[in-house]
């Protein structure tokens, strides 16, 4: 096509038909411009297609990560609740008229203080996206903001869990430092056998801890911190997690 225009242009120059020459010159320029625009449109279409495919890969990976994180958070909420509910039962045993057995008290102590409470979400892909600048490939502005906020929220959760861990340690330390027996606790919960530790021949009763004001004070602080962790941190985190998953699912369905 360009050769055709050039041939006509030469003929017009020879014939000195300036007006017709200009017309054909503009036509040649227009043809070049149209060609460039078509090429750019094709390139843009390919770029957009590659971006959509890349975004789909990210969205599917993020969905898998947050599905796993949701299961972890649901289980952690249950463990934390069992922990502070066991501590609440111990406080009830400290009241008048409540009869405690050595084995029952040991099992409550085990339920309350055996498990560390720590949320470990699956954030490997999200962290990689943030560190590499690939978060910009997520076209949904709302989702992008929620993913960014998720990381800072996890940091806040970790600080709260650190406080909870300190309260747990404080309570256990009071129990231990006031002369009560960890060995008795292990014997009564069956943990001695699992750990390969011989049963104590002269077991020491731990029921006296139910009369300890220091132990009760630490129990109450532990309960308060545990409930705050659930109500003020884990529950809002679950709402945020569900919102992220809902947005990801919508994006996967619409693209």
Protein backbone atom coordinates (compact mmCIF):
# COMPACT_ATOMS: atom_id res chain seq x y z
CA UNK A 1 0.00 0.00 0.00
CA UNK A 2 2.82 2.43 0.88
CA UNK A 3 4.60 1.59 -2.39
CA UNK A 4 1.42 2.45 -4.24
CA UNK A 5 1.26 5.88 -2.56
CA UNK A 6 4.93 6.53 -3.25
CA UNK A 7 4.49 5.73 -6.97
CA UNK A 8 1.57 8.13 -7.25
CA UNK A 9 3.49 10.76 -5.33
CA UNK A 10 6.38 10.59 -7.80
CA UNK A 11 4.05 10.89 -10.73
CA UNK A 12 2.35 13.92 -9.21
CA UNK A 13 5.68 15.59 -8.49
CA UNK A 14 6.74 15.06 -12.10
CA UNK A 15 3.42 16.42 -13.35
CA UNK A 16 3.64 19.29 -10.83
CA UNK A 17 0.10 18.66 -9.57
CA UNK A 18 0.74 20.13 -6.11
CA UNK A 19 -2.80 20.00 -4.75
CA UNK A 20 -3.27 16.36 -5.65
CA UNK A 21 0.19 15.61 -4.33
CA UNK A 22 -0.70 17.12 -0.96
CA UNK A 23 -3.89 15.09 -0.84
CA UNK A 24 -2.03 11.88 -1.44
CA UNK A 25 0.67 12.91 1.02
CA UNK A 26 -1.94 13.36 3.71
CA UNK A 27 -3.42 10.02 2.79
CA UNK A 28 -0.04 8.36 3.15
CA UNK A 29 0.47 9.99 6.54
CA UNK A 30 -3.01 8.96 7.63
CA UNK A 31 -2.31 5.40 6.59
CA UNK A 32 0.91 5.35 8.65
CA UNK A 33 -0.91 6.83 11.67
CA UNK A 34 -3.73 4.30 11.37
CA UNK A 35 -1.18 1.50 11.19
CA UNK A 36 0.56 2.76 14.30
CA UNK A 37 -2.74 3.07 16.16
CA UNK A 38 -3.75 -0.44 15.18
CA UNK A 39 -0.39 -1.79 16.34
CA UNK A 40 -0.72 0.08 19.64
CA UNK A 41 -4.25 -1.22 20.10
CA UNK A 42 -3.07 -4.79 19.53
CA UNK A 43 -0.18 -4.29 21.98
CA UNK A 44 -2.51 -2.78 24.58
CA UNK A 45 -4.97 -5.63 24.12
CA UNK A 46 -2.19 -8.16 24.62
CA UNK A 47 -0.88 -6.28 27.66
CA UNK A 48 -4.36 -6.14 29.18
CA UNK A 49 -4.87 -9.83 28.53
CA UNK A 50 -1.56 -10.70 30.19
CA UNK A 51 -2.42 -8.44 33.15
CA UNK A 52 -5.83 -10.11 33.54
CA UNK A 53 -4.23 -13.57 33.43
CA UNK A 54 -1.60 -12.52 35.97
CA UNK A 55 -4.27 -11.01 38.22
CA UNK A 56 -6.30 -14.22 38.04
CA UNK A 57 -3.27 -16.21 39.20
CA UNK A 58 -2.81 -13.81 42.12
CA UNK A 59 -6.49 -13.85 43.03
CA UNK A 60 -6.63 -17.67 43.06
CA UNK A 61 -3.49 -17.82 45.18
CA UNK A 62 -4.82 -15.21 47.61
CA UNK A 63 -8.13 -17.05 47.89
CA UNK A 64 -6.30 -20.24 48.83
CA UNK A 65 -4.20 -18.41 51.42
CA UNK A 66 -7.14 -16.63 53.05
CA UNK A 67 -9.28 -19.80 53.07
CA UNK A 68 -6.53 -21.52 55.08
CA UNK A 69 -6.10 -18.46 57.32
CA UNK A 70 -9.84 -18.48 58.05
CA UNK A 71 -9.71 -22.10 59.19
CA UNK A 72 -6.74 -21.27 61.42
CA UNK A 73 -8.48 -18.25 62.94
CA UNK A 74 -11.71 -20.17 63.61
CA UNK A 75 -9.75 -22.88 65.43
CA UNK A 76 -7.71 -20.32 67.37
CA UNK A 77 -10.86 -18.55 68.56
CA UNK A 78 -12.16 -21.90 69.88
CA UNK A 79 -8.87 -22.66 71.67
CA UNK A 80 -8.71 -19.20 73.24
CA UNK A 81 -12.32 -19.50 74.41
CA UNK A 82 -11.71 -22.91 75.99
CA UNK A 83 -8.69 -21.42 77.70
CA UNK A 84 -10.44 -18.51 79.40
CA UNK A 85 -13.56 -20.55 80.14
CA UNK A 86 -11.38 -23.04 82.04
CA UNK A 87 -9.83 -20.11 83.91
CA UNK A 88 -13.34 -18.86 84.75
CA UNK A 89 -14.19 -22.28 86.22
CA UNK A 90 -11.11 -22.08 88.42
CA UNK A 91 -12.27 -18.69 89.72
CA UNK A 92 -15.65 -20.23 90.49
CA UNK A 93 -13.92 -22.94 92.54
CA UNK A 94 -12.41 -20.18 94.68
CA UNK A 95 -15.87 -19.13 95.80
CA UNK A 96 -17.58 -20.39 98.93
CA UNK A 97 -19.43 -23.70 98.70
CA UNK A 98 -17.53 -25.06 95.69
CA UNK A 99 -15.75 -28.38 96.14
CA UNK A 100 -12.69 -29.05 93.98
CA UNK A 101 -10.88 -32.31 93.34
CA UNK A 102 -7.18 -32.57 92.65
CA UNK A 103 -7.75 -34.15 89.25
CA UNK A 104 -10.47 -31.68 88.26
CA UNK A 105 -8.31 -28.70 89.25
CA UNK A 106 -5.34 -30.10 87.33
CA UNK A 107 -7.42 -30.58 84.18
CA UNK A 108 -8.72 -27.02 84.39
CA UNK A 109 -5.18 -25.68 84.77
CA UNK A 110 -4.11 -27.71 81.75
CA UNK A 111 -7.02 -26.48 79.64
CA UNK A 112 -6.39 -22.88 80.64
CA UNK A 113 -2.63 -22.64 80.23
CA UNK A 114 -1.30 -25.42 78.01
CA UNK A 115 -1.88 -23.72 74.66
CA UNK A 116 -0.12 -20.63 73.40
CA UNK A 117 -2.47 -18.33 71.55
CA UNK A 118 -0.85 -17.18 68.34
CA UNK A 119 -2.39 -16.48 64.93
CA UNK A 120 -0.12 -17.52 62.07
CA UNK A 121 -1.91 -16.58 58.82
CA UNK A 122 -0.79 -17.79 55.41
CA UNK A 123 0.62 -14.55 53.99
CA UNK A 124 3.53 -15.78 51.85
CA UNK A 125 1.97 -14.78 48.52
CA UNK A 126 0.63 -11.49 49.85
CA UNK A 127 4.01 -10.57 51.33
CA UNK A 128 5.70 -11.47 48.05
CA UNK A 129 3.26 -9.26 46.13
CA UNK A 130 3.84 -6.33 48.47
CA UNK A 131 7.63 -6.68 48.44
CA UNK A 132 7.79 -6.99 44.64
CA UNK A 133 5.30 -4.19 43.98
CA UNK A 134 2.88 -6.64 42.36
CA UNK A 135 -0.02 -5.53 44.54
CA UNK A 136 -0.66 -2.87 41.87
CA UNK A 137 -1.71 -5.71 39.54
CA UNK A 138 -4.90 -6.08 41.61
CA UNK A 139 -7.34 -3.87 39.72
CA UNK A 140 -9.98 -3.66 42.46
CA UNK A 141 -9.05 -0.61 44.57
CA UNK A 142 -11.10 -1.77 47.56
CA UNK A 143 -9.44 -5.18 47.60
CA UNK A 144 -6.00 -3.63 47.26
CA UNK A 145 -6.63 -1.37 50.27
CA UNK A 146 -8.01 -4.26 52.35
CA UNK A 147 -4.98 -6.40 51.58
CA UNK A 148 -2.66 -3.60 52.64
CA UNK A 149 -4.62 -3.03 55.86
CA UNK A 150 -4.57 -6.76 56.59
CA UNK A 151 -0.82 -6.74 57.15
CA UNK A 152 -0.95 -3.85 59.63
CA UNK A 153 -3.87 -5.51 61.43
CA UNK A 154 -1.86 -8.71 61.83
CA UNK A 155 0.88 -6.68 63.51
CA UNK A 156 -1.68 -5.30 65.99
CA UNK A 157 -2.93 -8.82 66.67
CA UNK A 158 0.62 -9.98 67.40
CA UNK A 159 1.03 -7.22 70.00
CA UNK A 160 -2.21 -8.25 71.71
CA UNK A 161 -1.16 -11.89 71.70
CA UNK A 162 2.14 -10.90 73.29
CA UNK A 163 0.22 -9.23 76.13
CA UNK A 164 -1.92 -12.35 76.51
CA UNK A 165 1.19 -14.54 76.64
CA UNK A 166 2.61 -12.36 79.41
CA UNK A 167 -0.57 -12.70 81.47
CA UNK A 168 -0.49 -16.48 80.98
CA UNK A 169 3.13 -16.62 82.12
CA UNK A 170 2.39 -14.40 85.13
CA UNK A 171 -0.39 -16.72 86.28
CA UNK A 172 1.68 -19.88 85.83
CA UNK A 173 4.63 -18.27 87.58
CA UNK A 174 2.52 -17.41 90.64
CA UNK A 175 1.29 -21.01 90.76
CA UNK A 176 4.85 -22.30 90.54
CA UNK A 177 6.58 -19.74 92.77
CA UNK A 178 4.16 -20.20 95.66
CA UNK A 179 5.34 -23.79 96.00
CA UNK A 180 2.67 -25.71 94.14
CA UNK A 181 3.53 -28.81 92.14
CA UNK A 182 3.78 -29.01 88.37
CA UNK A 183 4.50 -32.71 88.84
CA UNK A 184 1.10 -33.24 90.47
CA UNK A 185 -0.55 -31.45 87.58
CA UNK A 186 1.26 -33.66 85.06
CA UNK A 187 0.31 -36.81 86.97
CA UNK A 188 -3.37 -35.92 87.15
CA UNK A 189 -3.68 -35.01 83.46
CA UNK A 190 -1.83 -38.10 82.22
CA UNK A 191 0.98 -35.99 80.81
CA UNK A 192 3.63 -37.61 83.01
CA UNK A 193 3.16 -40.92 81.24
CA UNK A 194 3.24 -39.31 77.78
CA UNK A 195 6.44 -37.45 78.69
CA UNK A 196 8.07 -40.54 80.17
CA UNK A 197 8.17 -38.99 83.67
CA UNK A 198 7.58 -41.33 86.65
CA UNK A 199 4.55 -40.63 88.78
CA UNK A 200 5.31 -38.81 92.01
CA UNK A 201 5.44 -41.13 95.03
CA UNK A 202 4.57 -38.30 97.41
CA UNK A 203 2.23 -36.03 95.46
CA UNK A 204 1.77 -32.47 96.68
CA UNK A 205 -1.75 -31.08 96.66
CA UNK A 206 -2.33 -27.98 94.54
CA UNK A 207 -5.74 -27.18 95.98
CA UNK A 208 -4.19 -24.59 98.28
CA UNK A 209 -3.73 -22.37 95.20
CA UNK A 210 -7.49 -21.84 95.27
CA UNK A 211 -6.93 -19.80 98.44
CA UNK A 212 -4.23 -17.62 96.90
CA UNK A 213 -5.22 -14.00 96.29
CA UNK A 214 -2.19 -13.47 94.05
CA UNK A 215 -3.17 -16.47 91.92
CA UNK A 216 -6.76 -15.24 91.69
CA UNK A 217 -5.66 -11.74 90.67
CA UNK A 218 -3.53 -13.11 87.86
CA UNK A 219 -6.32 -15.43 86.77
CA UNK A 220 -8.70 -12.48 86.48
CA UNK A 221 -6.20 -10.45 84.45
CA UNK A 222 -5.66 -13.46 82.21
CA UNK A 223 -9.41 -13.84 81.67
CA UNK A 224 -9.85 -10.14 80.89
CA UNK A 225 -6.99 -10.17 78.37
CA UNK A 226 -8.20 -13.41 76.76
CA UNK A 227 -11.73 -12.08 76.29
CA UNK A 228 -10.40 -8.80 74.94
CA UNK A 229 -8.27 -10.73 72.45
CA UNK A 230 -11.37 -12.48 71.15
CA UNK A 231 -13.87 -9.62 71.20
CA UNK A 232 -11.71 -6.65 70.25
CA UNK A 233 -9.21 -8.36 67.96
CA UNK A 234 -10.12 -11.81 66.64
CA UNK A 235 -13.77 -11.08 65.90
CA UNK A 236 -13.04 -7.88 63.91
CA UNK A 237 -10.19 -9.74 62.18
CA UNK A 238 -12.65 -12.44 61.10
CA UNK A 239 -14.96 -9.76 59.68
CA UNK A 240 -12.04 -8.31 57.72
CA UNK A 241 -10.99 -11.75 56.51
CA UNK A 242 -14.52 -12.56 55.31
CA UNK A 243 -14.73 -9.21 53.47
CA UNK A 244 -11.45 -9.93 51.68
CA UNK A 245 -12.60 -13.42 50.70
CA UNK A 246 -15.95 -12.11 49.49
CA UNK A 247 -14.25 -9.48 47.30
CA UNK A 248 -11.78 -12.02 45.91
CA UNK A 249 -14.59 -14.44 45.06
CA UNK A 250 -16.53 -11.67 43.32
CA UNK A 251 -13.47 -10.72 41.28
CA UNK A 252 -12.90 -14.35 40.24
CA UNK A 253 -16.53 -14.74 39.19
CA UNK A 254 -16.66 -11.49 37.19
CA UNK A 255 -13.42 -11.93 35.21
